[in-house]
Amino acid sequence: MTNSIFRLLSIFLTIAVITLFPGVANAAGQISLHNSTNQPITCYAAGEIRHTVNQNTQTIALSQGETLALNPQDFSTQKIDRVECAGYNADNLNVTANSRDRYLSFTDQVQQTLSVLL
């Protein structure tokens, strides 16, 4: 009996929080950018790959050690598809409000990318 009361109370509180605070339900779908270099870097984030520099692109300056979260809702396309920081590109991200979070960390270390056709 007490378990069923707690379940009903839990369901009621969940519905109340989602109804009263809709932003909490859409907390997923962010891209976190982290600058672990010894200098500031400039990043560009675009809603679609085909848009490079236009109204759909945001320019972000990250200080040394800074982390910044980008939300797809801040783009007219409601998604983030491309991020470029310190000369490194991440394409085809397709981050929307309902997708998983992504974390991108940029370092001073040289990295090589292996592209394989599957």
C-alpha atoms as a PDB file:
ATOM      1  CA  MET A   1       0.000   0.000   0.000  1.00  0.00           C
ATOM      2  CA  THR A   2       2.740   2.490   0.920  1.00  0.00           C
ATOM      3  CA  ASN A   3       4.718   1.588  -2.228  1.00  0.00           C
ATOM      4  CA  SER A   4       1.748   2.391  -4.446  1.00  0.00           C
ATOM      5  CA  ILE A   5       1.206   5.723  -2.647  1.00  0.00           C
ATOM      6  CA  PHE A   6       4.872   6.629  -3.165  1.00  0.00           C
ATOM      7  CA  ARG A   7       4.646   5.663  -6.853  1.00  0.00           C
ATOM      8  CA  LEU A   8       1.550   7.806  -7.357  1.00  0.00           C
ATOM      9  CA  LEU A   9       3.193  10.702  -5.533  1.00  0.00           C
ATOM     10  CA  SER A  10       6.338  10.307  -7.640  1.00  0.00           C
ATOM     11  CA  ILE A  11       4.337  10.297 -10.892  1.00  0.00           C
ATOM     12  CA  PHE A  12       2.348  13.320  -9.765  1.00  0.00           C
ATOM     13  CA  LEU A  13       5.508  15.271  -8.879  1.00  0.00           C
ATOM     14  CA  THR A  14       7.128  14.373 -12.212  1.00  0.00           C
ATOM     15  CA  ILE A  15       4.084  15.577 -14.153  1.00  0.00           C
ATOM     16  CA  ALA A  16       3.912  18.741 -12.036  1.00  0.00           C
ATOM     17  CA  VAL A  17       7.592  19.582 -12.613  1.00  0.00           C
ATOM     18  CA  ILE A  18       7.347  19.001 -16.381  1.00  0.00           C
ATOM     19  CA  THR A  19       4.172  21.089 -16.577  1.00  0.00           C
ATOM     20  CA  LEU A  20       5.363  23.962 -14.384  1.00  0.00           C
ATOM     21  CA  PHE A  21       8.975  23.998 -15.607  1.00  0.00           C
ATOM     22  CA  PRO A  22       9.020  22.877 -19.265  1.00  0.00           C
ATOM     23  CA  GLY A  23      12.668  23.919 -19.673  1.00  0.00           C
ATOM     24  CA  VAL A  24      13.721  21.142 -17.292  1.00  0.00           C
ATOM     25  CA  ALA A  25      12.295  18.479 -19.597  1.00  0.00           C
ATOM     26  CA  ASN A  26      14.359  19.821 -22.543  1.00  0.00           C
ATOM     27  CA  ALA A  27      17.700  19.942 -20.743  1.00  0.00           C
ATOM     28  CA  ALA A  28      19.217  17.318 -23.081  1.00  0.00           C
ATOM     29  CA  GLY A  29      20.717  17.973 -26.466  1.00  0.00           C
ATOM     30  CA  GLN A  30      23.580  20.307 -25.664  1.00  0.00           C
ATOM     31  CA  ILE A  31      27.105  20.510 -26.991  1.00  0.00           C
ATOM     32  CA  SER A  32      29.705  21.379 -24.380  1.00  0.00           C
ATOM     33  CA  LEU A  33      32.884  22.943 -25.747  1.00  0.00           C
ATOM     34  CA  HIS A  34      35.992  22.870 -23.550  1.00  0.00           C
ATOM     35  CA  ASN A  35      39.225  24.736 -24.202  1.00  0.00           C
ATOM     36  CA  SER A  36      42.088  22.884 -22.528  1.00  0.00           C
ATOM     37  CA  THR A  37      44.770  24.776 -24.478  1.00  0.00           C
ATOM     38  CA  ASN A  38      47.087  27.406 -23.007  1.00  0.00           C
ATOM     39  CA  GLN A  39      45.507  30.213 -25.040  1.00  0.00           C
ATOM     40  CA  PRO A  40      42.076  31.510 -26.057  1.00  0.00           C
ATOM     41  CA  ILE A  41      40.478  29.897 -29.116  1.00  0.00           C
ATOM     42  CA  THR A  42      37.675  30.887 -31.449  1.00  0.00           C
ATOM     43  CA  CYS A  43      34.944  28.432 -32.330  1.00  0.00           C
ATOM     44  CA  TYR A  44      32.185  28.463 -34.930  1.00  0.00           C
ATOM     45  CA  ALA A  45      28.972  26.492 -34.578  1.00  0.00           C
ATOM     46  CA  ALA A  46      26.480  26.082 -37.411  1.00  0.00           C
ATOM     47  CA  GLY A  47      22.970  24.735 -37.586  1.00  0.00           C
ATOM     48  CA  GLU A  48      23.604  23.090 -40.954  1.00  0.00           C
ATOM     49  CA  ILE A  49      26.790  22.015 -42.712  1.00  0.00           C
ATOM     50  CA  ARG A  50      25.994  23.863 -45.941  1.00  0.00           C
ATOM     51  CA  HIS A  51      25.810  27.161 -44.024  1.00  0.00           C
ATOM     52  CA  THR A  52      29.325  28.235 -43.201  1.00  0.00           C
ATOM     53  CA  VAL A  53      29.194  31.946 -42.396  1.00  0.00           C
ATOM     54  CA  ASN A  54      25.700  33.412 -42.239  1.00  0.00           C
ATOM     55  CA  GLN A  55      22.855  34.019 -39.797  1.00  0.00           C
ATOM     56  CA  ASN A  56      22.906  30.329 -38.835  1.00  0.00           C
ATOM     57  CA  THR A  57      26.493  30.435 -37.545  1.00  0.00           C
ATOM     58  CA  GLN A  58      27.595  31.559 -34.107  1.00  0.00           C
ATOM     59  CA  THR A  59      31.110  32.701 -33.259  1.00  0.00           C
ATOM     60  CA  ILE A  60      32.270  31.731 -29.775  1.00  0.00           C
ATOM     61  CA  ALA A  61      35.431  32.838 -27.987  1.00  0.00           C
ATOM     62  CA  LEU A  62      36.663  30.404 -25.335  1.00  0.00           C
ATOM     63  CA  SER A  63      39.241  31.468 -22.771  1.00  0.00           C
ATOM     64  CA  GLN A  64      41.870  29.082 -21.454  1.00  0.00           C
ATOM     65  CA  GLY A  65      40.170  26.324 -19.413  1.00  0.00           C
ATOM     66  CA  GLU A  66      36.641  27.585 -20.165  1.00  0.00           C
ATOM     67  CA  THR A  67      33.691  25.294 -20.885  1.00  0.00           C
ATOM     68  CA  LEU A  68      30.577  26.548 -22.670  1.00  0.00           C
ATOM     69  CA  ALA A  69      27.304  24.758 -23.457  1.00  0.00           C
ATOM     70  CA  LEU A  70      25.522  25.401 -26.765  1.00  0.00           C
ATOM     71  CA  ASN A  71      21.797  24.749 -27.124  1.00  0.00           C
ATOM     72  CA  PRO A  72      20.199  23.800 -30.472  1.00  0.00           C
ATOM     73  CA  GLN A  73      17.249  26.051 -29.612  1.00  0.00           C
ATOM     74  CA  ASP A  74      19.570  29.056 -30.119  1.00  0.00           C
ATOM     75  CA  PHE A  75      19.844  28.264 -33.848  1.00  0.00           C
ATOM     76  CA  SER A  76      17.145  28.948 -36.433  1.00  0.00           C
ATOM     77  CA  THR A  77      17.403  25.314 -37.606  1.00  0.00           C
ATOM     78  CA  GLN A  78      16.801  24.032 -34.035  1.00  0.00           C
ATOM     79  CA  LYS A  79      19.894  21.822 -34.360  1.00  0.00           C
ATOM     80  CA  ILE A  80      23.686  22.021 -34.286  1.00  0.00           C
ATOM     81  CA  ASP A  81      25.325  20.163 -37.140  1.00  0.00           C
ATOM     82  CA  ARG A  82      28.856  21.542 -37.271  1.00  0.00           C
ATOM     83  CA  VAL A  83      31.430  22.866 -34.805  1.00  0.00           C
ATOM     84  CA  GLU A  84      34.879  24.182 -35.691  1.00  0.00           C
ATOM     85  CA  CYS A  85      37.417  25.129 -33.018  1.00  0.00           C
ATOM     86  CA  ALA A  86      41.115  25.874 -33.365  1.00  0.00           C
ATOM     87  CA  GLY A  87      41.156  24.462 -36.898  1.00  0.00           C
ATOM     88  CA  TYR A  88      39.423  21.182 -36.008  1.00  0.00           C
ATOM     89  CA  ASN A  89      36.020  20.408 -37.552  1.00  0.00           C
ATOM     90  CA  ALA A  90      33.265  18.193 -36.183  1.00  0.00           C
ATOM     91  CA  ASP A  91      30.594  17.670 -38.848  1.00  0.00           C
ATOM     92  CA  ASN A  92      27.306  15.759 -39.012  1.00  0.00           C
ATOM     93  CA  LEU A  93      26.635  16.183 -35.282  1.00  0.00           C
ATOM     94  CA  ASN A  94      22.848  16.562 -35.719  1.00  0.00           C
ATOM     95  CA  VAL A  95      22.306  17.635 -32.095  1.00  0.00           C
ATOM     96  CA  THR A  96      18.694  18.567 -31.398  1.00  0.00           C
ATOM     97  CA  ALA A  97      16.797  19.233 -28.175  1.00  0.00           C
ATOM     98  CA  ASN A  98      15.913  15.525 -28.018  1.00  0.00           C
ATOM     99  CA  SER A  99      19.315  14.028 -28.806  1.00  0.00           C
ATOM    100  CA  ARG A 100      22.150  13.036 -26.490  1.00  0.00           C
ATOM    101  CA  ASP A 101      24.600  15.606 -25.182  1.00  0.00           C
ATOM    102  CA  ARG A 102      28.008  15.909 -26.816  1.00  0.00           C
ATOM    103  CA  TYR A 103      31.280  16.993 -25.211  1.00  0.00           C
ATOM    104  CA  LEU A 104      34.117  18.362 -27.341  1.00  0.00           C
ATOM    105  CA  SER A 105      37.482  19.160 -25.757  1.00  0.00           C
ATOM    106  CA  PHE A 106      40.193  20.985 -27.704  1.00  0.00           C
ATOM    107  CA  THR A 107      43.867  20.570 -26.791  1.00  0.00           C
ATOM    108  CA  ASP A 108      47.252  21.722 -28.099  1.00  0.00           C
ATOM    109  CA  GLN A 109      48.204  18.174 -29.037  1.00  0.00           C
ATOM    110  CA  VAL A 110      48.385  17.235 -32.709  1.00  0.00           C
ATOM    111  CA  GLN A 111      45.801  14.656 -33.633  1.00  0.00           C
ATOM    112  CA  GLN A 112      45.289  12.703 -36.821  1.00  0.00           C
ATOM    113  CA  THR A 113      41.954  11.597 -38.157  1.00  0.00           C
ATOM    114  CA  LEU A 114      41.492   8.297 -39.948  1.00  0.00           C
ATOM    115  CA  SER A 115      38.554   8.312 -42.353  1.00  0.00           C
ATOM    116  CA  VAL A 116      37.213   4.930 -43.374  1.00  0.00           C
ATOM    117  CA  LEU A 117      34.509   4.214 -45.934  1.00  0.00           C
ATOM    118  CA  LEU A 118      32.107   1.657 -44.481  1.00  0.00           C
END
